[in-house]
C-alpha atoms as a PDB file:
ATOM      1  CA  MET A   1      90.458-122.655 -49.598  1.00  0.00           C
ATOM      2  CA  LEU A   2      91.009-126.431 -49.197  1.00  0.00           C
ATOM      3  CA  PRO A   3      94.576-127.536 -49.904  1.00  0.00           C
ATOM      4  CA  HIS A   4      93.510-130.238 -52.313  1.00  0.00           C
ATOM      5  CA  SER A   5      91.846-127.715 -54.678  1.00  0.00           C
ATOM      6  CA  LYS A   6      95.072-125.610 -54.655  1.00  0.00           C
ATOM      7  CA  MET A   7      97.046-128.598 -55.886  1.00  0.00           C
ATOM      8  CA  LYS A   8      94.576-129.234 -58.650  1.00  0.00           C
ATOM      9  CA  ARG A   9      94.944-125.796 -59.729  1.00  0.00           C
ATOM     10  CA  SER A  10      98.697-126.105 -59.479  1.00  0.00           C
ATOM     11  CA  GLN A  11      98.576-129.240 -61.573  1.00  0.00           C
ATOM     12  CA  ALA A  12      96.233-127.764 -64.113  1.00  0.00           C
ATOM     13  CA  LEU A  13      98.563-124.861 -64.408  1.00  0.00           C
ATOM     14  CA  LYS A  14     101.699-126.951 -64.913  1.00  0.00           C
ATOM     15  CA  ALA A  15      99.726-129.041 -67.472  1.00  0.00           C
ATOM     16  CA  ALA A  16      98.802-125.829 -69.463  1.00  0.00           C
ATOM     17  CA  VAL A  17     102.406-124.668 -69.344  1.00  0.00           C
ATOM     18  CA  ALA A  18     103.675-128.229 -70.582  1.00  0.00           C
ATOM     19  CA  SER A  19     101.249-128.336 -73.456  1.00  0.00           C
ATOM     20  CA  ALA A  20     102.078-124.839 -74.526  1.00  0.00           C
ATOM     21  CA  THR A  21     105.733-125.753 -74.224  1.00  0.00           C
ATOM     22  CA  VAL A  22     105.203-128.742 -76.540  1.00  0.00           C
ATOM     23  CA  THR A  23     103.178-126.606 -78.924  1.00  0.00           C
ATOM     24  CA  LEU A  24     105.917-123.939 -79.142  1.00  0.00           C
ATOM     25  CA  CYS A  25     108.743-126.363 -79.395  1.00  0.00           C
ATOM     26  CA  ALA A  26     107.408-128.303 -82.199  1.00  0.00           C
ATOM     27  CA  SER A  27     108.169-126.222 -85.349  1.00  0.00           C
ATOM     28  CA  PRO A  28     105.767-126.359 -88.086  1.00  0.00           C
ATOM     29  CA  VAL A  29     105.963-129.584 -90.058  1.00  0.00           C
ATOM     30  CA  TRP A  30     105.740-129.054 -93.723  1.00  0.00           C
ATOM     31  CA  ALA A  31     105.414-131.766 -96.171  1.00  0.00           C
ATOM     32  CA  SER A  32     108.053-131.682 -98.667  1.00  0.00           C
ATOM     33  CA  GLY A  33     107.249-131.519-102.302  1.00  0.00           C
ATOM     34  CA  ASP A  34     108.250-135.072-103.064  1.00  0.00           C
ATOM     35  CA  GLY A  35     105.458-136.592-101.168  1.00  0.00           C
ATOM     36  CA  GLY A  36     106.670-137.994 -97.955  1.00  0.00           C
ATOM     37  CA  GLY A  37     109.759-136.540 -96.181  1.00  0.00           C
ATOM     38  CA  VAL A  38     109.205-134.531 -92.898  1.00  0.00           C
ATOM     39  CA  THR A  39     111.844-131.914 -92.017  1.00  0.00           C
ATOM     40  CA  LEU A  40     112.110-131.006 -88.531  1.00  0.00           C
ATOM     41  CA  ASP A  41     114.576-127.996 -87.964  1.00  0.00           C
ATOM     42  CA  LEU A  42     115.921-127.449 -84.420  1.00  0.00           C
ATOM     43  CA  ASP A  43     117.699-124.048 -84.678  1.00  0.00           C
ATOM     44  CA  ASN A  44     118.182-121.148 -82.428  1.00  0.00           C
ATOM     45  CA  SER A  45     114.568-119.851 -82.957  1.00  0.00           C
ATOM     46  CA  LEU A  46     113.266-122.651 -80.769  1.00  0.00           C
ATOM     47  CA  PHE A  47     115.383-121.478 -77.760  1.00  0.00           C
ATOM     48  CA  ILE A  48     114.338-117.709 -78.346  1.00  0.00           C
ATOM     49  CA  GLN A  49     110.729-118.876 -78.547  1.00  0.00           C
ATOM     50  CA  LEU A  50     111.375-120.923 -75.340  1.00  0.00           C
ATOM     51  CA  ALA A  51     112.985-117.902 -73.583  1.00  0.00           C
ATOM     52  CA  ILE A  52     110.037-115.505 -74.693  1.00  0.00           C
ATOM     53  CA  PHE A  53     107.531-118.125 -73.576  1.00  0.00           C
ATOM     54  CA  ILE A  54     109.209-118.454 -70.091  1.00  0.00           C
ATOM     55  CA  ALA A  55     109.446-114.710 -69.765  1.00  0.00           C
ATOM     56  CA  VAL A  56     105.857-114.238 -70.641  1.00  0.00           C
ATOM     57  CA  TYR A  57     104.836-116.991 -68.291  1.00  0.00           C
ATOM     58  CA  LEU A  58     106.706-115.469 -65.322  1.00  0.00           C
ATOM     59  CA  VAL A  59     105.158-112.090 -66.133  1.00  0.00           C
ATOM     60  CA  LEU A  60     101.636-113.478 -66.407  1.00  0.00           C
ATOM     61  CA  LYS A  61     102.240-115.693 -63.344  1.00  0.00           C
ATOM     62  CA  ARG A  62     103.104-112.673 -61.206  1.00  0.00           C
ATOM     63  CA  LEU A  63     100.497-110.324 -62.743  1.00  0.00           C
ATOM     64  CA  VAL A  64      97.573-112.529 -63.651  1.00  0.00           C
ATOM     65  CA  PHE A  65      97.708-116.109 -62.433  1.00  0.00           C
ATOM     66  CA  VAL A  66      98.767-115.612 -58.778  1.00  0.00           C
ATOM     67  CA  PRO A  67      96.321-112.665 -58.191  1.00  0.00           C
ATOM     68  CA  TYR A  68      93.570-114.599 -59.926  1.00  0.00           C
ATOM     69  CA  LEU A  69      94.230-117.578 -57.841  1.00  0.00           C
ATOM     70  CA  ALA A  70      94.379-115.525 -54.722  1.00  0.00           C
ATOM     71  CA  SER A  71      91.056-113.821 -55.458  1.00  0.00           C
ATOM     72  CA  LEU A  72      89.469-117.375 -55.952  1.00  0.00           C
ATOM     73  CA  ASP A  73      90.907-118.439 -52.746  1.00  0.00           C
ATOM     74  CA  ALA A  74      89.564-115.326 -51.000  1.00  0.00           C
ATOM     75  CA  ARG A  75      86.055-115.704 -52.493  1.00  0.00           C
ATOM     76  CA  ALA A  76      86.109-119.360 -51.486  1.00  0.00           C
ATOM     77  CA  ALA A  77      87.160-118.317 -47.928  1.00  0.00           C
ATOM     78  CA  LYS A  78      84.476-115.621 -47.894  1.00  0.00           C
ATOM     79  CA  THR A  79      81.946-118.216 -48.986  1.00  0.00           C
ATOM     80  CA  THR A  80      83.090-120.631 -46.409  1.00  0.00           C
ATOM     81  CA  ASP A  81      82.886-117.998 -43.654  1.00  0.00           C
ATOM     82  CA  ALA A  82      79.383-116.848 -44.795  1.00  0.00           C
ATOM     83  CA  ALA A  83      78.256-120.526 -44.791  1.00  0.00           C
ATOM     84  CA  ALA A  84      79.552-121.028 -41.322  1.00  0.00           C
ATOM     85  CA  ASP A  85      77.975-117.743 -40.174  1.00  0.00           C
ATOM     86  CA  ALA A  86      74.707-118.779 -41.661  1.00  0.00           C
ATOM     87  CA  LYS A  87      74.894-122.180 -39.974  1.00  0.00           C
ATOM     88  CA  ALA A  88      75.568-120.322 -36.592  1.00  0.00           C
ATOM     89  CA  ILE A  89      72.699-117.969 -37.245  1.00  0.00           C
ATOM     90  CA  LYS A  90      70.354-120.837 -37.990  1.00  0.00           C
ATOM     91  CA  ALA A  91      71.429-122.736 -34.868  1.00  0.00           C
ATOM     92  CA  ARG A  92      70.784-119.699 -32.863  1.00  0.00           C
ATOM     93  CA  ALA A  93      67.411-119.051 -34.521  1.00  0.00           C
ATOM     94  CA  GLU A  94      66.387-122.687 -33.743  1.00  0.00           C
ATOM     95  CA  ALA A  95      67.623-122.348 -30.202  1.00  0.00           C
ATOM     96  CA  LEU A  96      65.475-119.105 -29.839  1.00  0.00           C
ATOM     97  CA  GLN A  97      62.494-120.797 -31.455  1.00  0.00           C
ATOM     98  CA  ALA A  98      62.807-123.953 -29.048  1.00  0.00           C
ATOM     99  CA  ARG A  99      63.048-121.416 -26.110  1.00  0.00           C
ATOM    100  CA  TYR A 100      60.052-119.372 -27.317  1.00  0.00           C
ATOM    101  CA  LYS A 101      57.952-122.637 -27.744  1.00  0.00           C
ATOM    102  CA  THR A 102      59.088-123.803 -24.218  1.00  0.00           C
ATOM    103  CA  GLY A 103      58.299-120.324 -22.824  1.00  0.00           C
ATOM    104  CA  THR A 104      54.751-120.341 -24.452  1.00  0.00           C
ATOM    105  CA  VAL A 105      53.953-123.897 -23.259  1.00  0.00           C
ATOM    106  CA  ASP A 106      55.044-122.815 -19.693  1.00  0.00           C
ATOM    107  CA  ALA A 107      53.092-119.599 -19.838  1.00  0.00           C
ATOM    108  CA  ALA A 108      50.029-121.629 -20.971  1.00  0.00           C
ATOM    109  CA  ALA A 109      50.458-124.165 -18.129  1.00  0.00           C
ATOM    110  CA  ARG A 110      50.840-121.209 -15.609  1.00  0.00           C
ATOM    111  CA  ALA A 111      47.784-119.471 -16.950  1.00  0.00           C
ATOM    112  CA  GLN A 112      45.886-122.599 -16.780  1.00  0.00           C
ATOM    113  CA  ALA A 113      46.967-123.204 -13.331  1.00  0.00           C
ATOM    114  CA  GLU A 114      46.010-119.491 -12.380  1.00  0.00           C
ATOM    115  CA  ARG A 115      42.724-119.976 -14.013  1.00  0.00           C
ATOM    116  CA  GLN A 116      42.095-123.184 -12.084  1.00  0.00           C
ATOM    117  CA  ALA A 117      42.998-121.549  -8.746  1.00  0.00           C
ATOM    118  CA  LEU A 118      40.759-118.601  -9.533  1.00  0.00           C
ATOM    119  CA  ARG A 119      37.865-120.910 -10.323  1.00  0.00           C
ATOM    120  CA  VAL A 120      38.406-122.974  -7.223  1.00  0.00           C
ATOM    121  CA  ASP A 121      38.567-119.623  -5.202  1.00  0.00           C
ATOM    122  CA  GLY A 122      35.470-118.308  -6.932  1.00  0.00           C
ATOM    123  CA  MET A 123      33.623-121.495  -6.140  1.00  0.00           C
ATOM    124  CA  ALA A 124      34.716-121.322  -2.548  1.00  0.00           C
ATOM    125  CA  GLN A 125      33.456-117.650  -2.343  1.00  0.00           C
ATOM    126  CA  LYS A 126      30.226-118.652  -3.899  1.00  0.00           C
ATOM    127  CA  GLU A 127      29.703-121.506  -1.474  1.00  0.00           C
ATOM    128  CA  ALA A 128      30.507-119.175   1.473  1.00  0.00           C
ATOM    129  CA  ALA A 129      28.125-116.596   0.304  1.00  0.00           C
ATOM    130  CA  ILE A 130      25.296-119.188  -0.267  1.00  0.00           C
ATOM    131  CA  ALA A 131      26.039-120.567   3.285  1.00  0.00           C
ATOM    132  CA  GLN A 132      25.941-117.031   4.815  1.00  0.00           C
ATOM    133  CA  ALA A 133      22.693-116.322   2.863  1.00  0.00           C
ATOM    134  CA  ARG A 134      21.109-119.699   4.207  1.00  0.00           C
ATOM    135  CA  GLU A 135      22.267-118.928   7.808  1.00  0.00           C
ATOM    136  CA  LYS A 136      20.711-115.414   7.430  1.00  0.00           C
ATOM    137  CA  THR A 137      17.511-116.780   5.920  1.00  0.00           C
ATOM    138  CA  ASN A 138      17.284-119.516   8.499  1.00  0.00           C
ATOM    139  CA  ALA A 139      17.875-116.992  11.300  1.00  0.00           C
ATOM    140  CA  GLU A 140      15.318-114.674   9.725  1.00  0.00           C
ATOM    141  CA  GLY A 141      12.875-117.735   9.442  1.00  0.00           C
ATOM    142  CA  GLN A 142      13.414-118.693  13.044  1.00  0.00           C
ATOM    143  CA  GLN A 143      12.843-115.058  14.118  1.00  0.00           C
ATOM    144  CA  ALA A 144       9.708-114.945  12.155  1.00  0.00           C
ATOM    145  CA  ARG A 145       8.509-118.220  13.598  1.00  0.00           C
ATOM    146  CA  ALA A 146       9.202-116.985  17.164  1.00  0.00           C
ATOM    147  CA  ASP A 147       7.368-113.804  16.328  1.00  0.00           C
ATOM    148  CA  ILE A 148       4.449-115.769  15.047  1.00  0.00           C
ATOM    149  CA  GLU A 149       4.507-118.117  18.038  1.00  0.00           C
ATOM    150  CA  SER A 150       4.629-115.026  20.339  1.00  0.00           C
ATOM    151  CA  GLN A 151       1.633-113.490  18.416  1.00  0.00           C
ATOM    152  CA  ILE A 152      -0.216-116.826  18.646  1.00  0.00           C
ATOM    153  CA  GLY A 153       0.457-117.076  22.313  1.00  0.00           C
ATOM    154  CA  THR A 154      -0.761-113.404  22.787  1.00  0.00           C
ATOM    155  CA  ALA A 155      -3.818-114.084  20.690  1.00  0.00           C
ATOM    156  CA  ARG A 156      -4.613-117.285  22.451  1.00  0.00           C
ATOM    157  CA  ALA A 157      -4.395-115.511  25.893  1.00  0.00           C
ATOM    158  CA  ALA A 158      -6.684-112.756  24.587  1.00  0.00           C
ATOM    159  CA  LEU A 159      -9.014-115.361  23.203  1.00  0.00           C
ATOM    160  CA  LEU A 160      -9.030-117.409  26.311  1.00  0.00           C
ATOM    161  CA  GLY A 161      -9.909-114.375  28.199  1.00  0.00           C
ATOM    162  CA  GLN A 162     -13.007-113.937  25.966  1.00  0.00           C
ATOM    163  CA  VAL A 163     -13.871-117.539  25.735  1.00  0.00           C
ATOM    164  CA  ASP A 164     -16.118-117.319  28.715  1.00  0.00           C
ATOM    165  CA  ASP A 165     -17.807-114.100  27.616  1.00  0.00           C
ATOM    166  CA  LEU A 166     -18.295-115.591  24.109  1.00  0.00           C
ATOM    167  CA  SER A 167     -19.539-118.908  25.377  1.00  0.00           C
ATOM    168  CA  GLN A 168     -22.142-117.206  27.429  1.00  0.00           C
ATOM    169  CA  LEU A 169     -23.159-114.994  24.417  1.00  0.00           C
ATOM    170  CA  VAL A 170     -23.614-118.025  22.285  1.00  0.00           C
ATOM    171  CA  VAL A 171     -25.582-119.859  24.807  1.00  0.00           C
ATOM    172  CA  GLU A 172     -27.880-117.037  25.318  1.00  0.00           C
ATOM    173  CA  LYS A 173     -28.399-116.612  21.574  1.00  0.00           C
ATOM    174  CA  VAL A 174     -28.960-120.261  21.230  1.00  0.00           C
ATOM    175  CA  MET A 175     -31.408-120.404  24.090  1.00  0.00           C
ATOM    176  CA  GLY A 176     -32.892-117.259  23.193  1.00  0.00           C
ATOM    177  CA  ARG A 177     -32.539-115.488  26.432  1.00  0.00           C
ATOM    178  CA  GLY A 178     -31.021-112.364  25.753  1.00  0.00           C
ATOM    179  CA  ALA A 179     -31.730-109.909  23.063  1.00  0.00           C
END
């Protein structure tokens, strides 16, 4: 417990003892029958009462006051320790929460970067597949054109060989000479 609160308790205890002493020391004041005089008797009973009071005070101090004040101090110390522990736990929890938030932000940034990298990689693969398909299609188209040109050349050669025969047949038909 704090030193100034011990001083306050000690001063309060001393004030209580002083007020009890004054109360015990003052013998009952009785008004006399004649209407005004106050008699104050100081005899041996005052010292006996004072001795009894001091003995009771010392016994109570040892058996009640000191243990009671010690228990108050112990309770205050436990409360102070518990408050300090609570502050430490709260600070640790806040640090863990900040670390968690930082970790989630970092993880989200890494995930976003990974998504972007995968997207770029996917787009590159798509473009490569499209380019490969175009090349294949162009090659097949050129092969088909070459085949068609070859067939056209073969057909022309065959038709050129028949042109003379067909021309002769047409002329005969037109002139009416043949069949």
